[in-house]
C-alpha atoms as a PDB file:
ATOM      1  CA  HIS A   1     -10.852 243.408 -41.823  1.00  0.00           C
ATOM      2  CA  ASN A   2     -10.522 244.772 -45.321  1.00  0.00           C
ATOM      3  CA  SER A   3      -6.931 245.848 -44.776  1.00  0.00           C
ATOM      4  CA  ILE A   4      -3.999 243.438 -44.676  1.00  0.00           C
ATOM      5  CA  GLU A   5      -2.047 245.854 -42.480  1.00  0.00           C
ATOM      6  CA  GLN A   6      -4.876 246.132 -39.936  1.00  0.00           C
ATOM      7  CA  ALA A   7      -5.419 242.356 -39.866  1.00  0.00           C
ATOM      8  CA  ALA A   8      -1.678 241.739 -39.409  1.00  0.00           C
ATOM      9  CA  SER A   9      -1.530 244.343 -36.632  1.00  0.00           C
ATOM     10  CA  ASP A  10      -4.510 242.858 -34.775  1.00  0.00           C
ATOM     11  CA  LEU A  11      -3.229 239.304 -35.136  1.00  0.00           C
ATOM     12  CA  GLY A  12       0.225 240.387 -33.984  1.00  0.00           C
ATOM     13  CA  ALA A  13      -1.282 242.025 -30.882  1.00  0.00           C
ATOM     14  CA  TRP A  14      -3.259 238.871 -30.071  1.00  0.00           C
ATOM     15  CA  LEU A  15      -0.167 236.687 -30.594  1.00  0.00           C
ATOM     16  CA  SER A  16       1.796 238.922 -28.244  1.00  0.00           C
ATOM     17  CA  TRP A  17      -0.865 238.454 -25.556  1.00  0.00           C
ATOM     18  CA  ALA A  18      -1.151 234.706 -26.165  1.00  0.00           C
ATOM     19  CA  ARG A  19       2.615 234.138 -25.871  1.00  0.00           C
ATOM     20  CA  ARG A  20       2.572 235.824 -22.444  1.00  0.00           C
ATOM     21  CA  CYS A  21      -0.549 233.976 -21.297  1.00  0.00           C
ATOM     22  CA  ARG A  22      -0.200 231.398 -18.510  1.00  0.00           C
ATOM     23  CA  LEU A  23      -2.355 228.864 -20.340  1.00  0.00           C
ATOM     24  CA  GLU A  24      -0.282 226.374 -22.338  1.00  0.00           C
ATOM     25  CA  PRO A  25      -2.965 225.746 -24.999  1.00  0.00           C
ATOM     26  CA  PHE A  26      -2.935 229.458 -25.893  1.00  0.00           C
ATOM     27  CA  LYS A  27       0.858 229.436 -26.120  1.00  0.00           C
ATOM     28  CA  LYS A  28       0.704 226.403 -28.410  1.00  0.00           C
ATOM     29  CA  LEU A  29      -1.988 228.046 -30.563  1.00  0.00           C
ATOM     30  CA  ALA A  30       0.065 231.233 -30.773  1.00  0.00           C
ATOM     31  CA  ALA A  31       3.102 229.258 -31.961  1.00  0.00           C
ATOM     32  CA  THR A  32       1.019 227.526 -34.625  1.00  0.00           C
ATOM     33  CA  LEU A  33      -0.530 230.781 -35.823  1.00  0.00           C
ATOM     34  CA  LYS A  34       2.871 232.458 -35.926  1.00  0.00           C
ATOM     35  CA  GLU A  35       4.155 229.688 -38.221  1.00  0.00           C
ATOM     36  CA  ARG A  36       1.184 230.302 -40.552  1.00  0.00           C
ATOM     37  CA  PHE A  37       0.953 234.059 -40.016  1.00  0.00           C
ATOM     38  CA  ASP A  38       0.611 235.106 -43.681  1.00  0.00           C
ATOM     39  CA  ALA A  39      -2.047 232.486 -44.440  1.00  0.00           C
ATOM     40  CA  VAL A  40      -4.064 233.468 -41.355  1.00  0.00           C
ATOM     41  CA  VAL A  41      -3.938 237.146 -42.328  1.00  0.00           C
ATOM     42  CA  ARG A  42      -5.092 236.290 -45.869  1.00  0.00           C
ATOM     43  CA  GLY A  43      -7.947 234.280 -44.367  1.00  0.00           C
ATOM     44  CA  MET A  44      -8.958 237.220 -42.200  1.00  0.00           C
ATOM     45  CA  VAL A  45      -8.978 239.588 -45.181  1.00  0.00           C
ATOM     46  CA  ASP A  46     -10.842 237.142 -47.455  1.00  0.00           C
ATOM     47  CA  HIS A  47     -13.464 236.448 -44.746  1.00  0.00           C
ATOM     48  CA  ARG A  48     -12.933 232.708 -44.995  1.00  0.00           C
ATOM     49  CA  SER A  49     -14.649 230.342 -42.638  1.00  0.00           C
ATOM     50  CA  ASN A  50     -14.767 226.636 -42.076  1.00  0.00           C
ATOM     51  CA  ALA A  51     -18.491 226.430 -42.881  1.00  0.00           C
ATOM     52  CA  PHE A  52     -17.898 224.280 -45.979  1.00  0.00           C
ATOM     53  CA  VAL A  53     -15.738 221.854 -44.014  1.00  0.00           C
ATOM     54  CA  GLU A  54     -18.334 221.666 -41.238  1.00  0.00           C
ATOM     55  CA  ALA A  55     -21.075 220.953 -43.784  1.00  0.00           C
ATOM     56  CA  MET A  56     -19.009 218.131 -45.281  1.00  0.00           C
ATOM     57  CA  ASN A  57     -18.379 216.771 -41.796  1.00  0.00           C
ATOM     58  CA  GLY A  58     -22.128 216.685 -41.179  1.00  0.00           C
ATOM     59  CA  LEU A  59     -22.635 214.736 -44.402  1.00  0.00           C
ATOM     60  CA  LEU A  60     -19.881 212.305 -43.388  1.00  0.00           C
ATOM     61  CA  GLN A  61     -21.505 211.789 -39.997  1.00  0.00           C
ATOM     62  CA  GLN A  62     -24.795 210.959 -41.739  1.00  0.00           C
ATOM     63  CA  ALA A  63     -22.993 208.510 -44.009  1.00  0.00           C
ATOM     64  CA  LYS A  64     -21.317 206.942 -40.984  1.00  0.00           C
ATOM     65  CA  ARG A  65     -24.684 206.402 -39.323  1.00  0.00           C
ATOM     66  CA  ALA A  66     -26.120 204.989 -42.549  1.00  0.00           C
ATOM     67  CA  ALA A  67     -23.159 202.638 -43.034  1.00  0.00           C
ATOM     68  CA  ARG A  68     -23.458 201.186 -39.526  1.00  0.00           C
ATOM     69  CA  GLY A  69     -23.940 197.472 -39.912  1.00  0.00           C
ATOM     70  CA  PHE A  70     -21.886 197.167 -43.072  1.00  0.00           C
ATOM     71  CA  ARG A  71     -18.827 195.015 -42.645  1.00  0.00           C
ATOM     72  CA  THR A  72     -15.936 196.936 -44.176  1.00  0.00           C
ATOM     73  CA  SER A  73     -14.553 200.413 -44.352  1.00  0.00           C
ATOM     74  CA  GLN A  74     -14.886 200.191 -48.138  1.00  0.00           C
ATOM     75  CA  ASN A  75     -18.671 200.177 -47.704  1.00  0.00           C
ATOM     76  CA  PHE A  76     -18.477 203.310 -45.560  1.00  0.00           C
ATOM     77  CA  ILE A  77     -16.320 205.008 -48.186  1.00  0.00           C
ATOM     78  CA  ALA A  78     -18.796 204.054 -50.925  1.00  0.00           C
ATOM     79  CA  ILE A  79     -21.742 205.436 -48.918  1.00  0.00           C
ATOM     80  CA  ALA A  80     -19.782 208.624 -48.171  1.00  0.00           C
ATOM     81  CA  TYR A  81     -19.012 209.181 -51.846  1.00  0.00           C
ATOM     82  CA  LEU A  82     -22.630 208.592 -52.811  1.00  0.00           C
ATOM     83  CA  ARG A  83     -23.982 210.967 -50.155  1.00  0.00           C
ATOM     84  CA  MET A  84     -21.456 213.729 -50.720  1.00  0.00           C
ATOM     85  CA  SER A  85     -21.494 213.686 -54.515  1.00  0.00           C
ATOM     86  CA  LYS A  86     -25.152 214.792 -54.596  1.00  0.00           C
ATOM     87  CA  LEU A  87     -25.872 212.805 -57.740  1.00  0.00           C
ATOM     88  CA  LYS A  88     -29.236 213.653 -59.271  1.00  0.00           C
ATOM     89  CA  HIS A  89     -29.835 210.807 -61.771  1.00  0.00           C
ATOM     90  CA  LEU A  90     -29.546 207.702 -59.615  1.00  0.00           C
ATOM     91  CA  PRO A  91     -31.904 204.795 -60.236  1.00  0.00           C
ATOM     92  CA  ALA A  92     -34.859 204.440 -57.900  1.00  0.00           C
ATOM     93  CA  SER A  93     -34.350 202.387 -54.782  1.00  0.00           C
ATOM     94  CA  PRO A  94     -35.471 198.783 -55.232  1.00  0.00           C
ATOM     95  CA  PHE A  95     -36.910 198.946 -51.709  1.00  0.00           C
ATOM     96  CA  ALA A  96     -39.178 201.916 -52.402  1.00  0.00           C
ATOM     97  CA  PRO A  97     -42.854 201.044 -52.943  1.00  0.00           C
ATOM     98  CA  ALA A  98     -43.841 201.070 -56.615  1.00  0.00           C
ATOM     99  CA  MET A  99     -47.057 202.971 -56.024  1.00  0.00           C
ATOM    100  CA  PRO A 100     -47.640 205.623 -53.376  1.00  0.00           C
ATOM    101  CA  GLN A 101     -50.051 204.467 -50.724  1.00  0.00           C
END
């Protein structure tokens, strides 16, 4: 929506339905959204999504797989920072072959 009034109206209609729904998860979701009503409406108007968070989660999952075998959570955190920071000027890996084969 481009209109705050329209977004608020549509969200209010959905919340009304969800509160009357027989499914408890929908009732719980409706209560949560009602607590954060203004923020949800702003998100609808600004066309926000969780794509950035999902992309970061994918990078963290890669770091978790790469850190498997390390002994401490500190090593996982270090790998996560290195992967997610997207540093460009890191030294070459000492395990990489010196000359292409």
